[in-house]
Amino acid sequence: MGKFQLKIDVEPKDIPELDDAHKRDCADALKSKINGVMRYTMIFVAVLLVFFGGYSLFSFTYLLRMNEMLPQVPWSAAIFAVLVFIGEFPAGMMKLAALIVEIILYACLVLSIILSASLTAIWLVPFAVYGAFLHVGLITLLPIYKVLSEQKGFPEFTSLPTKEEVTPKK
C-alpha cells in the first residue's frame, strides 16, 4: 500500500487562480514541511546536547578514576548547536536571512567538529549536513510561501460561515 504524502506540485504564478481547497492543500503541505524541518532540528540539537553533557560527565568521571583524559568533544559544537536551536524559530517563519543563517550555523557546526579532530563527535557530521540540506529545501519553497501568504484567507483558506449557517445555542 502506498504511503500518502502531501506534495506541492504547483507553480507560484498559478496559486492565485486556485480555489480555496487547493490553496489549503498547498498551505498544509508547506506547513508540514516547515514543521518537519523544525522537528528534525529540535531532535538533533537535543541529541547533540545530551551527548555532549553525558560524554563530558563520563570524561570527568574517567579523569577522576584513571588520572587520564579522554578525547574531548569541542565546546564550539555545543555553542553552535544552541545557536542553531535559537535560529530555528525565525527560520520557521520562512525568512530568507534566517534560513541562510541556519545553513551557515550548520556549516560552522560541521567545521568545528571536523577541525577539532574529535573522533568521538564525528558521527554528528552527517546529521548536521542533512539539517543544512533540509534548510536549503525550505529556501526552494520560499516563492510558493510568499505567494500563498499574500492570498486572502491565509493560512486556513476557509470562508467564514454565513449568519444562516450559524445556529444560536438555546
Protein backbone atom coordinates (compact mmCIF):
# COMPACT_ATOMS: atom_id res chain seq x y z
CA MET A 1 0.00 0.00 0.00
CA GLY A 2 1.36 3.40 -0.95
CA LYS A 3 2.15 5.99 1.65
CA PHE A 4 0.04 9.14 1.44
CA GLN A 5 2.20 12.20 1.08
CA LEU A 6 1.31 15.84 0.62
CA LYS A 7 3.22 17.43 -2.25
CA ILE A 8 3.26 20.88 -3.73
CA ASP A 9 3.28 20.49 -7.48
CA VAL A 10 2.04 23.92 -8.50
CA GLU A 11 3.90 26.90 -9.86
CA PRO A 12 3.82 30.06 -7.70
CA LYS A 13 2.24 32.08 -10.54
CA ASP A 14 -0.72 29.65 -10.68
CA ILE A 15 -1.58 29.85 -6.99
CA PRO A 16 -3.86 32.95 -7.15
CA GLU A 17 -6.17 31.15 -9.62
CA LEU A 18 -6.61 28.10 -7.38
CA ASP A 19 -9.74 27.63 -5.30
CA ASP A 20 -9.56 27.72 -1.51
CA ALA A 21 -9.41 23.92 -1.13
CA HIS A 22 -6.32 23.66 -3.31
CA LYS A 23 -4.71 26.64 -1.59
CA ARG A 24 -5.40 24.97 1.75
CA ASP A 25 -3.77 21.76 0.47
CA CYS A 26 -0.69 23.74 -0.61
CA ALA A 27 -0.57 25.56 2.73
CA ASP A 28 -0.92 22.27 4.63
CA ALA A 29 1.89 20.64 2.64
CA LEU A 30 4.08 23.69 3.20
CA LYS A 31 3.28 23.76 6.91
CA SER A 32 4.05 20.05 7.16
CA LYS A 33 7.46 20.57 5.54
CA ILE A 34 8.28 23.54 7.82
CA ASN A 35 7.22 21.64 10.94
CA GLY A 36 9.19 18.58 9.85
CA VAL A 37 12.37 20.62 9.47
CA MET A 38 11.79 22.26 12.85
CA ARG A 39 11.15 18.89 14.49
CA TYR A 40 14.35 17.46 12.98
CA THR A 41 16.38 20.43 14.19
CA MET A 42 14.99 20.24 17.72
CA ILE A 43 15.66 16.50 17.98
CA PHE A 44 19.16 16.89 16.51
CA VAL A 45 20.08 19.67 18.93
CA ALA A 46 18.65 17.78 21.90
CA VAL A 47 20.62 14.64 20.99
CA LEU A 48 23.80 16.65 20.47
CA LEU A 49 23.47 18.42 23.81
CA VAL A 50 22.62 15.21 25.68
CA PHE A 51 25.62 13.53 24.06
CA PHE A 52 27.83 16.48 24.93
CA GLY A 53 26.65 16.57 28.55
CA GLY A 54 26.76 12.82 29.04
CA TYR A 55 30.17 12.46 27.44
CA SER A 56 31.56 15.37 29.46
CA LEU A 57 30.30 13.79 32.69
CA PHE A 58 31.73 10.40 31.71
CA SER A 59 35.03 12.02 30.75
CA PHE A 60 35.22 13.84 34.08
CA THR A 61 34.50 10.64 36.00
CA TYR A 62 37.12 8.81 33.94
CA LEU A 63 39.63 11.57 34.72
CA LEU A 64 38.98 11.26 38.46
CA ARG A 65 39.32 7.47 38.48
CA MET A 66 42.13 6.88 35.98
CA ASN A 67 44.03 10.19 36.10
CA GLU A 68 43.86 10.24 32.33
CA MET A 69 41.79 12.42 30.00
CA LEU A 70 39.56 11.12 27.23
CA PRO A 71 39.36 12.92 23.86
CA GLN A 72 37.17 15.96 24.28
CA VAL A 73 34.09 17.00 22.35
CA PRO A 74 34.63 20.59 21.22
CA TRP A 75 32.79 23.26 23.19
CA SER A 76 32.13 25.09 19.94
CA ALA A 77 29.87 22.21 18.84
CA ALA A 78 27.59 22.77 21.82
CA ILE A 79 27.63 26.54 21.28
CA PHE A 80 26.74 26.18 17.58
CA ALA A 81 24.00 23.68 18.49
CA VAL A 82 22.42 26.22 20.85
CA LEU A 83 22.68 28.89 18.14
CA VAL A 84 21.01 26.52 15.64
CA PHE A 85 18.23 25.96 18.19
CA ILE A 86 17.70 29.70 18.66
CA GLY A 87 17.90 30.43 14.94
CA GLU A 88 15.30 27.81 14.09
CA PHE A 89 12.42 29.95 15.36
CA PRO A 90 12.88 32.84 12.87
CA ALA A 91 13.75 30.27 10.18
CA GLY A 92 10.41 28.59 10.84
CA MET A 93 8.74 31.85 9.83
CA MET A 94 10.30 31.39 6.37
CA LYS A 95 12.59 34.41 6.44
CA LEU A 96 15.35 34.10 3.83
CA ALA A 97 18.02 35.68 6.03
CA ALA A 98 17.18 33.32 8.93
CA LEU A 99 17.31 30.28 6.65
CA ILE A 100 20.71 31.34 5.32
CA VAL A 101 21.98 31.91 8.88
CA GLU A 102 20.78 28.41 9.82
CA ILE A 103 22.73 26.90 6.92
CA ILE A 104 25.82 28.86 7.94
CA LEU A 105 25.43 27.72 11.56
CA TYR A 106 25.15 24.10 10.45
CA ALA A 107 28.31 24.57 8.34
CA CYS A 108 30.12 26.08 11.35
CA LEU A 109 28.98 23.14 13.47
CA VAL A 110 30.37 20.69 10.92
CA LEU A 111 33.64 22.60 10.65
CA SER A 112 34.06 22.84 14.42
CA ILE A 113 33.66 19.07 14.75
CA ILE A 114 35.96 18.28 11.83
CA LEU A 115 38.65 20.80 12.75
CA SER A 116 38.75 19.64 16.36
CA ALA A 117 39.74 16.18 15.10
CA SER A 118 37.46 14.70 17.72
CA LEU A 119 36.60 11.16 16.69
CA THR A 120 34.02 10.98 19.47
CA ALA A 121 31.79 13.57 17.77
CA ILE A 122 32.46 12.84 14.10
CA TRP A 123 29.25 10.78 13.89
CA LEU A 124 27.28 14.04 14.25
CA VAL A 125 28.58 15.43 10.93
CA PRO A 126 26.18 13.57 8.57
CA PHE A 127 23.20 14.63 10.66
CA ALA A 128 24.31 18.27 10.61
CA VAL A 129 24.84 18.15 6.85
CA TYR A 130 21.35 16.69 6.43
CA GLY A 131 19.91 19.51 8.56
CA ALA A 132 21.60 22.05 6.27
CA PHE A 133 20.11 20.33 3.20
CA LEU A 134 16.66 20.44 4.80
CA HIS A 135 17.02 24.21 5.17
CA VAL A 136 18.14 24.50 1.53
CA GLY A 137 14.90 22.70 0.68
CA LEU A 138 12.96 25.33 2.60
CA ILE A 139 14.69 28.07 0.61
CA THR A 140 13.39 26.46 -2.59
CA LEU A 141 9.84 26.69 -1.17
CA LEU A 142 10.10 30.42 -0.40
CA PRO A 143 8.43 31.60 -3.67
CA ILE A 144 5.40 29.38 -3.00
CA TYR A 145 5.23 30.56 0.62
CA LYS A 146 5.46 34.21 -0.46
CA VAL A 147 2.59 33.89 -2.93
CA LEU A 148 0.44 31.85 -0.52
CA SER A 149 0.97 34.26 2.36
CA GLU A 150 -0.26 37.17 0.23
CA GLN A 151 -3.53 35.43 -0.58
CA LYS A 152 -6.76 36.29 1.19
CA GLY A 153 -7.57 33.75 3.91
CA PHE A 154 -4.01 32.60 4.55
CA PRO A 155 -3.23 30.16 6.29
CA GLU A 156 -6.62 28.39 6.67
CA PHE A 157 -8.26 29.41 3.36
CA THR A 158 -11.73 28.79 4.73
CA SER A 159 -14.53 31.24 4.38
CA LEU A 160 -16.44 32.27 7.47
CA PRO A 161 -19.93 30.77 7.80
CA THR A 162 -22.87 32.97 6.93
CA LYS A 163 -25.38 34.10 9.50
CA GLU A 164 -27.89 31.50 8.33
CA GLU A 165 -25.36 28.67 8.74
CA VAL A 166 -24.66 29.55 12.33
CA THR A 167 -27.45 28.48 14.67
CA PRO A 168 -27.58 30.05 18.11
CA LYS A 169 -27.42 27.75 21.12
CA LYS A 170 -30.50 27.59 23.30
